[in-house]
Amino acid sequence: MSQPSKLSGLLKTAQHQDQTITILRKRQKELERVKKVVEQATDIRQERVETAKLALKEGKLKLKGNILAEKILADPLNQKSL
């Protein structure tokens, strides 16, 4: 293989590696954003659970089991239904 074609191949390889690095950095940033959202969602839910436990313990919260179960089973990922 001649020098110019070797250089051309190396250049293409370097460009491909740069593109791969750029894509990986973007994915890393996306994953960091998702991680923050998940961490915040977990904290919010835990706060709601603690508030509900306290209200239940103090007798300020009356739950009807069948209604609560229906709401949970209807859409377990939708926190607004509770």
Protein backbone atom coordinates (compact mmCIF):
# COMPACT_ATOMS: atom_id res chain seq x y z
CA MET A 1 0.00 0.00 0.00
CA SER A 2 1.34 3.41 -0.89
CA GLN A 3 1.89 6.26 1.56
CA PRO A 4 -1.04 8.42 0.32
CA SER A 5 -3.52 5.55 0.57
CA LYS A 6 -2.21 4.61 4.04
CA LEU A 7 -2.63 8.22 5.14
CA SER A 8 -6.09 8.33 3.61
CA GLY A 9 -7.05 5.16 5.51
CA LEU A 10 -5.67 6.54 8.75
CA LEU A 11 -7.53 9.80 8.21
CA LYS A 12 -10.82 7.96 7.65
CA THR A 13 -10.20 5.85 10.75
CA ALA A 14 -9.47 8.97 12.82
CA GLN A 15 -12.61 10.68 11.52
CA HIS A 16 -14.68 7.62 12.36
CA GLN A 17 -13.21 7.52 15.87
CA ASP A 18 -13.99 11.23 16.34
CA GLN A 19 -17.60 10.62 15.28
CA THR A 20 -17.84 7.66 17.64
CA ILE A 21 -16.46 9.73 20.52
CA THR A 22 -18.94 12.52 19.75
CA ILE A 23 -21.84 10.05 19.76
CA LEU A 24 -20.66 8.48 23.02
CA ARG A 25 -20.36 11.88 24.69
CA LYS A 26 -23.90 12.77 23.64
CA ARG A 27 -25.18 9.45 24.98
CA GLN A 28 -23.30 10.01 28.22
CA LYS A 29 -24.98 13.40 28.66
CA GLU A 30 -28.37 11.85 27.93
CA LEU A 31 -27.76 9.13 30.49
CA GLU A 32 -26.71 11.70 33.08
CA ARG A 33 -29.95 13.64 32.48
CA VAL A 34 -32.01 10.46 32.76
CA LYS A 35 -30.20 9.49 35.96
CA LYS A 36 -31.01 12.88 37.51
CA VAL A 37 -34.67 12.56 36.55
CA VAL A 38 -34.87 9.07 38.03
CA GLU A 39 -33.16 10.17 41.24
CA GLN A 40 -35.54 13.11 41.62
CA ALA A 41 -38.59 10.98 40.89
CA THR A 42 -37.56 8.48 43.54
CA ASP A 43 -37.12 11.25 46.11
CA ILE A 44 -40.50 12.76 45.30
CA ARG A 45 -42.25 9.43 45.58
CA GLN A 46 -40.54 8.63 48.89
CA GLU A 47 -41.61 12.01 50.22
CA ARG A 48 -45.22 11.27 49.24
CA VAL A 49 -45.05 7.87 50.90
CA GLU A 50 -43.73 9.34 54.15
CA THR A 51 -46.39 12.07 54.12
CA ALA A 52 -49.14 9.50 53.55
CA LYS A 53 -47.78 7.23 56.30
CA LEU A 54 -47.78 10.10 58.78
CA ALA A 55 -51.28 11.21 57.83
CA LEU A 56 -52.54 7.65 58.12
CA LYS A 57 -50.87 7.20 61.50
CA GLU A 58 -52.38 10.46 62.77
CA GLY A 59 -55.84 9.44 61.52
CA LYS A 60 -55.96 12.29 59.00
CA LEU A 61 -56.05 9.96 56.00
CA LYS A 62 -58.86 7.50 55.42
CA LEU A 63 -58.30 4.97 52.66
CA LYS A 64 -60.85 2.77 50.99
CA GLY A 65 -58.86 -0.30 50.00
CA ASN A 66 -60.94 -1.26 46.99
CA ILE A 67 -60.79 2.22 45.45
CA LEU A 68 -57.06 2.49 46.09
CA ALA A 69 -56.45 -0.96 44.57
CA GLU A 70 -58.48 -0.07 41.46
CA LYS A 71 -56.43 3.09 40.93
CA ILE A 72 -53.12 1.28 41.38
CA LEU A 73 -54.12 -1.50 39.01
CA ALA A 74 -55.58 0.88 36.43
CA ASP A 75 -52.30 2.70 35.81
CA PRO A 76 -49.39 1.72 38.09
CA LEU A 77 -46.99 4.22 36.49
CA ASN A 78 -49.26 7.25 36.69
CA GLN A 79 -48.64 8.84 40.09
CA LYS A 80 -51.31 11.48 39.47
CA SER A 81 -54.11 8.88 39.65
CA LEU A 82 -53.55 8.57 43.42
